[in-house]
Amino acid sequence: MPDTQKQVVTVGVTGASGAILAQKALALLEEDPRVARIHLVVTETGQRLFAEELGISAGDLRQLPARILDRAAAKIEILPNKDVGASIASGSYSVDAMLVIPCSMGTLGAIANGISDDLVARAADVMLKENRKLVLCVRDTPFNRIHLENMIRAQQAGAVIMPAVPAFYDHPKTIDDLVTQYVCRVLAEINLPQEKMYRWTGHSASKEAKA
């Protein structure tokens, strides 16, 4: 497949709990031959999240992708969150899809209300105005009315709201099983279905019971 047909994906990481979700998404995108480039933007609280939940310190920000993957990152370009003049801040730059994983309620609120005061929010705003795929992996509980109304606003503007809710119908045995299934569902939303994703085909026992 020529590079011109491969996807360019932006990944935003914010301070909501769930650094492992971002790590898995970046690993699968890095391995996916259908992906040409990944633009990674991590907020300050997102950097703290990696440190607190995964023991990954930012240090030199340019080295963060390799620290996240625990290997060299060939496709990932890290962009400072304060750089609102970066390529992904303009609709004239072609990005196929964007994930915010995990997405804090603060970032959701900024996106839902068009407050583009950092690169994550501005890049998401660009995706909406250009009618491109934006998936917000919101991570908080319980939701208050402000959270719910912001989800509705973002969804009505074109975003996909995918709360970080685990599935159990695939009988997960490990945390990695839960994380992988969720992230695979997220990637399927941006037209990158994964072979690792469990797909429900119906329960034979329940069918027999009804027969």
C-alpha atoms as a PDB file:
ATOM      1  CA  MET A   1       0.000   0.000   0.000  1.00  0.00           C
ATOM      2  CA  PRO A   2       1.568   3.335  -0.974  1.00  0.00           C
ATOM      3  CA  ASP A   3       2.098   5.899   1.817  1.00  0.00           C
ATOM      4  CA  THR A   4      -0.442   8.223   0.204  1.00  0.00           C
ATOM      5  CA  GLN A   5      -3.148   5.687   1.093  1.00  0.00           C
ATOM      6  CA  LYS A   6      -2.013   5.190   4.661  1.00  0.00           C
ATOM      7  CA  GLN A   7      -3.567   7.001   7.586  1.00  0.00           C
ATOM      8  CA  VAL A   8      -2.179   9.908   9.551  1.00  0.00           C
ATOM      9  CA  VAL A   9      -3.485   9.786  13.117  1.00  0.00           C
ATOM     10  CA  THR A  10      -3.262  12.272  15.961  1.00  0.00           C
ATOM     11  CA  VAL A  11      -3.262  10.952  19.521  1.00  0.00           C
ATOM     12  CA  GLY A  12      -3.934  13.303  22.416  1.00  0.00           C
ATOM     13  CA  VAL A  13      -3.268  12.167  25.976  1.00  0.00           C
ATOM     14  CA  THR A  14      -4.719  14.107  28.917  1.00  0.00           C
ATOM     15  CA  GLY A  15      -4.731  13.793  32.698  1.00  0.00           C
ATOM     16  CA  ALA A  16      -7.677  11.460  33.146  1.00  0.00           C
ATOM     17  CA  SER A  17      -6.725   8.060  34.560  1.00  0.00           C
ATOM     18  CA  GLY A  18      -5.899   5.476  31.904  1.00  0.00           C
ATOM     19  CA  ALA A  19      -2.312   5.896  30.726  1.00  0.00           C
ATOM     20  CA  ILE A  20      -2.295   2.195  29.851  1.00  0.00           C
ATOM     21  CA  LEU A  21      -5.020   2.854  27.256  1.00  0.00           C
ATOM     22  CA  ALA A  22      -2.848   5.449  25.513  1.00  0.00           C
ATOM     23  CA  GLN A  23       0.153   3.125  25.666  1.00  0.00           C
ATOM     24  CA  LYS A  24      -1.773   0.272  24.034  1.00  0.00           C
ATOM     25  CA  ALA A  25      -3.258   2.543  21.359  1.00  0.00           C
ATOM     26  CA  LEU A  26       0.169   3.904  20.436  1.00  0.00           C
ATOM     27  CA  ALA A  27       1.657   0.394  20.325  1.00  0.00           C
ATOM     28  CA  LEU A  28      -1.064  -0.911  18.003  1.00  0.00           C
ATOM     29  CA  LEU A  29      -0.905   2.160  15.757  1.00  0.00           C
ATOM     30  CA  GLU A  30       2.888   1.920  15.571  1.00  0.00           C
ATOM     31  CA  GLU A  31       2.614  -1.725  14.484  1.00  0.00           C
ATOM     32  CA  ASP A  32      -0.208  -1.173  12.000  1.00  0.00           C
ATOM     33  CA  PRO A  33       1.038  -1.118   8.372  1.00  0.00           C
ATOM     34  CA  ARG A  34      -2.014   0.971   7.427  1.00  0.00           C
ATOM     35  CA  VAL A  35      -0.693   3.880   9.508  1.00  0.00           C
ATOM     36  CA  ALA A  36       1.938   6.187   8.015  1.00  0.00           C
ATOM     37  CA  ARG A  37       2.375   8.718  10.832  1.00  0.00           C
ATOM     38  CA  ILE A  38       1.232   9.365  14.397  1.00  0.00           C
ATOM     39  CA  HIS A  39       1.230  12.850  15.893  1.00  0.00           C
ATOM     40  CA  LEU A  40       1.351  12.579  19.686  1.00  0.00           C
ATOM     41  CA  VAL A  41       0.360  15.446  21.963  1.00  0.00           C
ATOM     42  CA  VAL A  42       0.528  14.973  25.725  1.00  0.00           C
ATOM     43  CA  THR A  43      -0.762  17.605  28.133  1.00  0.00           C
ATOM     44  CA  GLU A  44       1.207  18.435  31.281  1.00  0.00           C
ATOM     45  CA  THR A  45      -1.227  16.373  33.342  1.00  0.00           C
ATOM     46  CA  GLY A  46      -0.952  13.627  30.730  1.00  0.00           C
ATOM     47  CA  GLN A  47       2.813  13.547  31.311  1.00  0.00           C
ATOM     48  CA  ARG A  48       2.149  13.287  35.036  1.00  0.00           C
ATOM     49  CA  LEU A  49      -0.284  10.447  34.301  1.00  0.00           C
ATOM     50  CA  PHE A  50       2.404   8.415  32.512  1.00  0.00           C
ATOM     51  CA  ALA A  51       4.756   8.987  35.436  1.00  0.00           C
ATOM     52  CA  GLU A  52       2.267   8.087  38.169  1.00  0.00           C
ATOM     53  CA  GLU A  53       0.510   5.138  36.511  1.00  0.00           C
ATOM     54  CA  LEU A  54       3.267   3.602  34.392  1.00  0.00           C
ATOM     55  CA  GLY A  55       6.461   4.975  35.911  1.00  0.00           C
ATOM     56  CA  ILE A  56       7.364   6.682  32.618  1.00  0.00           C
ATOM     57  CA  SER A  57       8.898  10.118  33.118  1.00  0.00           C
ATOM     58  CA  ALA A  58       8.911  12.607  30.263  1.00  0.00           C
ATOM     59  CA  GLY A  59      12.498  13.801  30.708  1.00  0.00           C
ATOM     60  CA  ASP A  60      13.419  14.969  27.227  1.00  0.00           C
ATOM     61  CA  LEU A  61       9.968  15.164  25.640  1.00  0.00           C
ATOM     62  CA  ARG A  62      11.394  13.917  22.337  1.00  0.00           C
ATOM     63  CA  GLN A  63      12.255  10.613  24.019  1.00  0.00           C
ATOM     64  CA  LEU A  64       8.763  10.063  25.455  1.00  0.00           C
ATOM     65  CA  PRO A  65       7.441   7.902  22.561  1.00  0.00           C
ATOM     66  CA  ALA A  66      10.338   5.447  22.947  1.00  0.00           C
ATOM     67  CA  ARG A  67       9.782   5.346  26.716  1.00  0.00           C
ATOM     68  CA  ILE A  68       6.072   4.646  26.227  1.00  0.00           C
ATOM     69  CA  LEU A  69       6.678   1.823  23.743  1.00  0.00           C
ATOM     70  CA  ASP A  70       9.885   0.587  25.419  1.00  0.00           C
ATOM     71  CA  ARG A  71      11.448   0.542  21.957  1.00  0.00           C
ATOM     72  CA  ALA A  72      12.270   2.934  19.147  1.00  0.00           C
ATOM     73  CA  ALA A  73       9.214   4.694  17.734  1.00  0.00           C
ATOM     74  CA  ALA A  74       9.484   4.947  13.944  1.00  0.00           C
ATOM     75  CA  LYS A  75       6.130   6.603  13.214  1.00  0.00           C
ATOM     76  CA  ILE A  76       5.451   8.765  16.260  1.00  0.00           C
ATOM     77  CA  GLU A  77       6.169  12.499  16.224  1.00  0.00           C
ATOM     78  CA  ILE A  78       5.744  14.210  19.610  1.00  0.00           C
ATOM     79  CA  LEU A  79       4.410  17.763  19.522  1.00  0.00           C
ATOM     80  CA  PRO A  80       4.439  20.180  22.492  1.00  0.00           C
ATOM     81  CA  ASN A  81       0.923  20.869  23.753  1.00  0.00           C
ATOM     82  CA  LYS A  82       1.645  24.608  23.855  1.00  0.00           C
ATOM     83  CA  ASP A  83       2.566  24.683  20.150  1.00  0.00           C
ATOM     84  CA  VAL A  84      -0.758  25.873  18.753  1.00  0.00           C
ATOM     85  CA  GLY A  85       1.061  26.643  15.498  1.00  0.00           C
ATOM     86  CA  ALA A  86       1.918  22.986  14.855  1.00  0.00           C
ATOM     87  CA  SER A  87       0.857  21.298  11.622  1.00  0.00           C
ATOM     88  CA  ILE A  88      -2.191  19.595  13.175  1.00  0.00           C
ATOM     89  CA  ALA A  89      -3.558  22.973  14.305  1.00  0.00           C
ATOM     90  CA  SER A  90      -4.511  23.780  10.706  1.00  0.00           C
ATOM     91  CA  GLY A  91      -7.268  22.279   8.618  1.00  0.00           C
ATOM     92  CA  SER A  92      -5.032  22.562   5.564  1.00  0.00           C
ATOM     93  CA  TYR A  93      -2.869  19.774   7.024  1.00  0.00           C
ATOM     94  CA  SER A  94      -4.369  16.370   6.321  1.00  0.00           C
ATOM     95  CA  VAL A  95      -5.072  14.158   9.334  1.00  0.00           C
ATOM     96  CA  ASP A  96      -7.404  11.201   8.903  1.00  0.00           C
ATOM     97  CA  ALA A  97      -8.424  10.676  12.508  1.00  0.00           C
ATOM     98  CA  MET A  98      -7.756  11.796  16.056  1.00  0.00           C
ATOM     99  CA  LEU A  99      -8.052   9.997  19.376  1.00  0.00           C
ATOM    100  CA  VAL A 100      -8.042  11.673  22.767  1.00  0.00           C
ATOM    101  CA  ILE A 101      -7.214   8.733  25.020  1.00  0.00           C
ATOM    102  CA  PRO A 102      -7.843   9.142  27.873  1.00  0.00           C
ATOM    103  CA  CYS A 103      -9.920  12.307  27.646  1.00  0.00           C
ATOM    104  CA  SER A 104     -10.396  14.311  30.841  1.00  0.00           C
ATOM    105  CA  MET A 105     -13.613  16.164  31.564  1.00  0.00           C
ATOM    106  CA  GLY A 106     -11.664  19.430  31.312  1.00  0.00           C
ATOM    107  CA  THR A 107     -10.470  18.589  27.807  1.00  0.00           C
ATOM    108  CA  LEU A 108     -13.955  17.415  26.854  1.00  0.00           C
ATOM    109  CA  GLY A 109     -15.332  20.746  28.054  1.00  0.00           C
ATOM    110  CA  ALA A 110     -12.772  22.701  26.041  1.00  0.00           C
ATOM    111  CA  ILE A 111     -13.520  20.712  22.871  1.00  0.00           C
ATOM    112  CA  ALA A 112     -17.295  20.847  23.340  1.00  0.00           C
ATOM    113  CA  ASN A 113     -17.215  24.610  23.775  1.00  0.00           C
ATOM    114  CA  GLY A 114     -14.613  25.487  21.142  1.00  0.00           C
ATOM    115  CA  ILE A 115     -11.955  26.675  23.604  1.00  0.00           C
ATOM    116  CA  SER A 116      -8.797  26.015  21.616  1.00  0.00           C
ATOM    117  CA  ASP A 117      -6.213  27.221  24.114  1.00  0.00           C
ATOM    118  CA  ASP A 118      -3.819  24.280  23.728  1.00  0.00           C
ATOM    119  CA  LEU A 119      -2.832  21.949  20.903  1.00  0.00           C
ATOM    120  CA  VAL A 120      -5.004  18.995  21.971  1.00  0.00           C
ATOM    121  CA  ALA A 121      -8.153  21.127  22.001  1.00  0.00           C
ATOM    122  CA  ARG A 122      -7.206  23.015  18.823  1.00  0.00           C
ATOM    123  CA  ALA A 123      -6.387  19.830  16.907  1.00  0.00           C
ATOM    124  CA  ALA A 124      -9.725  18.348  18.004  1.00  0.00           C
ATOM    125  CA  ASP A 125     -11.517  21.529  16.923  1.00  0.00           C
ATOM    126  CA  VAL A 126      -9.885  21.196  13.500  1.00  0.00           C
ATOM    127  CA  MET A 127     -11.119  17.617  13.190  1.00  0.00           C
ATOM    128  CA  LEU A 128     -14.681  18.728  13.885  1.00  0.00           C
ATOM    129  CA  LYS A 129     -14.658  21.713  11.551  1.00  0.00           C
ATOM    130  CA  GLU A 130     -13.152  19.621   8.739  1.00  0.00           C
ATOM    131  CA  ASN A 131     -15.638  16.755   9.305  1.00  0.00           C
ATOM    132  CA  ARG A 132     -12.877  14.301  10.172  1.00  0.00           C
ATOM    133  CA  LYS A 133     -13.050  11.442  12.663  1.00  0.00           C
ATOM    134  CA  LEU A 134     -12.585  12.437  16.308  1.00  0.00           C
ATOM    135  CA  VAL A 135     -12.907   9.856  19.094  1.00  0.00           C
ATOM    136  CA  LEU A 136     -13.028  11.045  22.702  1.00  0.00           C
ATOM    137  CA  CYS A 137     -12.244   8.285  25.199  1.00  0.00           C
ATOM    138  CA  VAL A 138     -13.728  10.007  28.223  1.00  0.00           C
ATOM    139  CA  ARG A 139     -12.595   8.658  31.577  1.00  0.00           C
ATOM    140  CA  ASP A 140     -14.348   9.710  34.762  1.00  0.00           C
ATOM    141  CA  THR A 141     -17.185   8.534  36.980  1.00  0.00           C
ATOM    142  CA  PRO A 142     -19.808   9.410  37.970  1.00  0.00           C
ATOM    143  CA  PHE A 143     -20.764  11.974  35.338  1.00  0.00           C
ATOM    144  CA  ASN A 144     -22.410  15.186  36.440  1.00  0.00           C
ATOM    145  CA  ARG A 145     -24.813  17.152  34.273  1.00  0.00           C
ATOM    146  CA  ILE A 146     -22.035  19.390  32.907  1.00  0.00           C
ATOM    147  CA  HIS A 147     -20.087  16.311  31.764  1.00  0.00           C
ATOM    148  CA  LEU A 148     -23.155  14.805  30.106  1.00  0.00           C
ATOM    149  CA  GLU A 149     -24.134  18.034  28.364  1.00  0.00           C
ATOM    150  CA  ASN A 150     -20.581  18.482  27.085  1.00  0.00           C
ATOM    151  CA  MET A 151     -20.646  14.935  25.701  1.00  0.00           C
ATOM    152  CA  ILE A 152     -23.882  15.728  23.879  1.00  0.00           C
ATOM    153  CA  ARG A 153     -22.429  18.975  22.494  1.00  0.00           C
ATOM    154  CA  ALA A 154     -19.290  17.202  21.260  1.00  0.00           C
ATOM    155  CA  GLN A 155     -21.284  14.322  19.779  1.00  0.00           C
ATOM    156  CA  GLN A 156     -23.661  16.666  17.994  1.00  0.00           C
ATOM    157  CA  ALA A 157     -20.628  18.487  16.554  1.00  0.00           C
ATOM    158  CA  GLY A 158     -19.371  15.207  15.090  1.00  0.00           C
ATOM    159  CA  ALA A 159     -17.246  13.533  17.772  1.00  0.00           C
ATOM    160  CA  VAL A 160     -17.571   9.894  18.812  1.00  0.00           C
ATOM    161  CA  ILE A 161     -17.916   9.555  22.586  1.00  0.00           C
ATOM    162  CA  MET A 162     -16.340   6.287  23.776  1.00  0.00           C
ATOM    163  CA  PRO A 163     -16.171   6.103  27.572  1.00  0.00           C
ATOM    164  CA  ALA A 164     -13.397   3.849  28.841  1.00  0.00           C
ATOM    165  CA  VAL A 165     -15.760   1.040  29.794  1.00  0.00           C
ATOM    166  CA  PRO A 166     -14.385  -2.530  29.763  1.00  0.00           C
ATOM    167  CA  ALA A 167     -16.213  -5.429  28.122  1.00  0.00           C
ATOM    168  CA  PHE A 168     -16.529  -8.864  29.722  1.00  0.00           C
ATOM    169  CA  TYR A 169     -18.285 -10.966  27.081  1.00  0.00           C
ATOM    170  CA  ASP A 170     -14.900 -12.072  25.737  1.00  0.00           C
ATOM    171  CA  HIS A 171     -14.013 -13.578  29.149  1.00  0.00           C
ATOM    172  CA  PRO A 172     -10.878 -11.489  29.802  1.00  0.00           C
ATOM    173  CA  LYS A 173      -8.231 -13.118  31.976  1.00  0.00           C
ATOM    174  CA  THR A 174      -5.865 -10.171  32.457  1.00  0.00           C
ATOM    175  CA  ILE A 175      -5.868  -6.384  32.576  1.00  0.00           C
ATOM    176  CA  ASP A 176      -4.152  -6.452  29.190  1.00  0.00           C
ATOM    177  CA  ASP A 177      -7.109  -8.419  27.786  1.00  0.00           C
ATOM    178  CA  LEU A 178      -9.501  -5.692  28.978  1.00  0.00           C
ATOM    179  CA  VAL A 179      -7.298  -2.893  27.672  1.00  0.00           C
ATOM    180  CA  THR A 180      -6.678  -4.552  24.301  1.00  0.00           C
ATOM    181  CA  GLN A 181     -10.374  -5.196  23.612  1.00  0.00           C
ATOM    182  CA  TYR A 182     -11.324  -1.619  24.457  1.00  0.00           C
ATOM    183  CA  VAL A 183      -8.528  -0.069  22.392  1.00  0.00           C
ATOM    184  CA  CYS A 184      -9.318  -2.362  19.460  1.00  0.00           C
ATOM    185  CA  ARG A 185     -12.905  -1.104  19.559  1.00  0.00           C
ATOM    186  CA  VAL A 186     -11.574   2.469  19.525  1.00  0.00           C
ATOM    187  CA  LEU A 187      -9.345   1.795  16.522  1.00  0.00           C
ATOM    188  CA  ALA A 188     -12.232   0.161  14.673  1.00  0.00           C
ATOM    189  CA  GLU A 189     -14.001   3.533  14.950  1.00  0.00           C
ATOM    190  CA  ILE A 190     -11.255   5.135  12.840  1.00  0.00           C
ATOM    191  CA  ASN A 191     -11.377   2.375  10.213  1.00  0.00           C
ATOM    192  CA  LEU A 192      -8.412   0.467  11.601  1.00  0.00           C
ATOM    193  CA  PRO A 193     -10.013  -2.807  12.768  1.00  0.00           C
ATOM    194  CA  GLN A 194      -7.569  -5.091  14.561  1.00  0.00           C
ATOM    195  CA  GLU A 195      -7.230  -8.863  14.323  1.00  0.00           C
ATOM    196  CA  LYS A 196      -6.833  -8.964  18.114  1.00  0.00           C
ATOM    197  CA  MET A 197     -10.363  -7.651  18.642  1.00  0.00           C
ATOM    198  CA  TYR A 198     -12.912 -10.156  19.912  1.00  0.00           C
ATOM    199  CA  ARG A 199     -16.110 -10.071  17.861  1.00  0.00           C
ATOM    200  CA  TRP A 200     -19.383 -11.329  19.285  1.00  0.00           C
ATOM    201  CA  THR A 201     -21.108 -13.798  16.982  1.00  0.00           C
ATOM    202  CA  GLY A 202     -23.970 -14.896  19.233  1.00  0.00           C
ATOM    203  CA  HIS A 203     -24.091 -17.334  22.127  1.00  0.00           C
ATOM    204  CA  SER A 204     -24.756 -20.901  20.978  1.00  0.00           C
ATOM    205  CA  ALA A 205     -25.928 -22.014  24.440  1.00  0.00           C
ATOM    206  CA  SER A 206     -28.569 -19.295  24.631  1.00  0.00           C
ATOM    207  CA  LYS A 207     -29.710 -20.153  21.110  1.00  0.00           C
ATOM    208  CA  GLU A 208     -30.078 -23.814  22.059  1.00  0.00           C
ATOM    209  CA  ALA A 209     -32.036 -22.898  25.199  1.00  0.00           C
ATOM    210  CA  LYS A 210     -34.532 -20.936  23.099  1.00  0.00           C
ATOM    211  CA  ALA A 211     -34.887 -23.692  20.494  1.00  0.00           C
END
